[in-house]
Structure formats: structure tokens, C-alpha cells
Amino acid sequence: MSKNDTLSIQTKLAQLDELVTWFESDDFQLEQASDKLKAAKRLADEIEHDLDSVANEIQIVKQSFASESDQQ
């Protein structure tokens, strides 16, 4: 995963944090809550997918290092 992907995860986390903060703020309006909740769910799903991808890449790298050390 590139540095830009990591920043993308950080950006998504910041956006999710802003949505959560909105729900806790005085600006909360019931009429907007459904759309904001859907946006928060979409962001959370994307973040989970991105983190799963990072975890998979880490496993691949770990296996690669393990294979290299076994060959030595």
C-alpha cells in the first residue's frame, strides 16, 4: 500500500470523526441525520476494507520474510 493510500485512510477517518462530532453537536438536525448516518456507514465500511487490505499486505510481507529466513 502506498503512502497515498495511507493518507486516504487518515482522510476517511477524519471525515468519519467530523460526522460523529456533528451527531454530538448543537448543529444536529433530525432531517439531515439519515443522510449523515449513511455517509458515516459508507466511510466506516471503506475504512474497514482499506485496513483489511493493509493487514493482508502485512501478512504477505511477513510470509516473504519467513520464507527468506528459512532459505538461509
Protein backbone atom coordinates (compact mmCIF):
# COMPACT_ATOMS: atom_id res chain seq x y z
CA MET A 1 0.00 0.00 0.00
CA SER A 2 1.40 3.37 -0.96
CA LYS A 3 1.75 6.44 1.20
CA ASN A 4 -1.22 7.99 -0.64
CA ASP A 5 -3.42 5.05 0.38
CA THR A 6 -2.42 5.53 4.00
CA LEU A 7 -3.28 9.22 3.75
CA SER A 8 -6.58 8.20 2.21
CA ILE A 9 -7.36 6.09 5.28
CA GLN A 10 -6.38 9.00 7.51
CA THR A 11 -8.58 11.35 5.48
CA LYS A 12 -11.52 8.96 5.74
CA LEU A 13 -11.01 8.67 9.49
CA ALA A 14 -11.01 12.45 9.77
CA GLN A 15 -14.21 12.67 7.73
CA LEU A 16 -15.83 9.99 9.89
CA ASP A 17 -14.76 11.86 13.01
CA GLU A 18 -16.37 15.04 11.64
CA LEU A 19 -19.64 13.17 11.08
CA VAL A 20 -19.58 11.70 14.58
CA THR A 21 -18.86 15.14 16.00
CA TRP A 22 -21.83 16.55 14.06
CA PHE A 23 -24.14 13.99 15.70
CA GLU A 24 -22.91 15.13 19.11
CA SER A 25 -23.10 18.84 18.33
CA ASP A 26 -25.75 21.52 18.65
CA ASP A 27 -25.87 21.59 14.81
CA PHE A 28 -27.60 18.20 14.78
CA GLN A 29 -30.80 18.26 12.75
CA LEU A 30 -33.02 15.21 12.51
CA GLU A 31 -33.78 15.94 8.86
CA GLN A 32 -30.09 15.53 7.96
CA ALA A 33 -29.36 12.64 10.29
CA SER A 34 -30.32 9.86 7.88
CA ASP A 35 -28.02 11.11 5.11
CA LYS A 36 -25.16 11.71 7.51
CA LEU A 37 -25.63 8.29 9.07
CA LYS A 38 -25.49 6.68 5.62
CA ALA A 39 -22.32 8.64 4.82
CA ALA A 40 -20.77 7.55 8.13
CA LYS A 41 -21.64 3.89 7.43
CA ARG A 42 -20.14 4.12 3.93
CA LEU A 43 -16.93 5.65 5.31
CA ALA A 44 -16.71 3.05 8.07
CA ASP A 45 -17.11 0.26 5.50
CA GLU A 46 -14.43 1.79 3.27
CA ILE A 47 -12.05 2.20 6.21
CA GLU A 48 -12.63 -1.42 7.24
CA HIS A 49 -11.91 -2.59 3.68
CA ASP A 50 -8.76 -0.44 3.48
CA LEU A 51 -7.50 -1.76 6.82
CA ASP A 52 -8.19 -5.35 5.77
CA SER A 53 -6.10 -4.70 2.64
CA VAL A 54 -3.26 -3.34 4.74
CA ALA A 55 -3.44 -6.36 7.05
CA ASN A 56 -3.31 -8.72 4.07
CA GLU A 57 -0.28 -6.92 2.67
CA ILE A 58 1.46 -7.14 6.04
CA GLN A 59 0.81 -10.90 6.14
CA ILE A 60 2.28 -11.29 2.66
CA VAL A 61 5.40 -9.37 3.65
CA LYS A 62 5.75 -11.40 6.87
CA GLN A 63 5.44 -14.64 4.91
CA SER A 64 8.02 -13.41 2.44
CA PHE A 65 10.48 -12.65 5.24
CA ALA A 66 9.79 -16.02 6.85
CA SER A 67 10.43 -17.80 3.55
CA GLU A 68 13.68 -15.89 3.04
CA SER A 69 14.92 -16.68 6.54
CA ASP A 70 14.05 -20.37 6.10
CA GLN A 71 16.12 -20.49 2.92
CA GLN A 72 19.21 -19.12 4.66
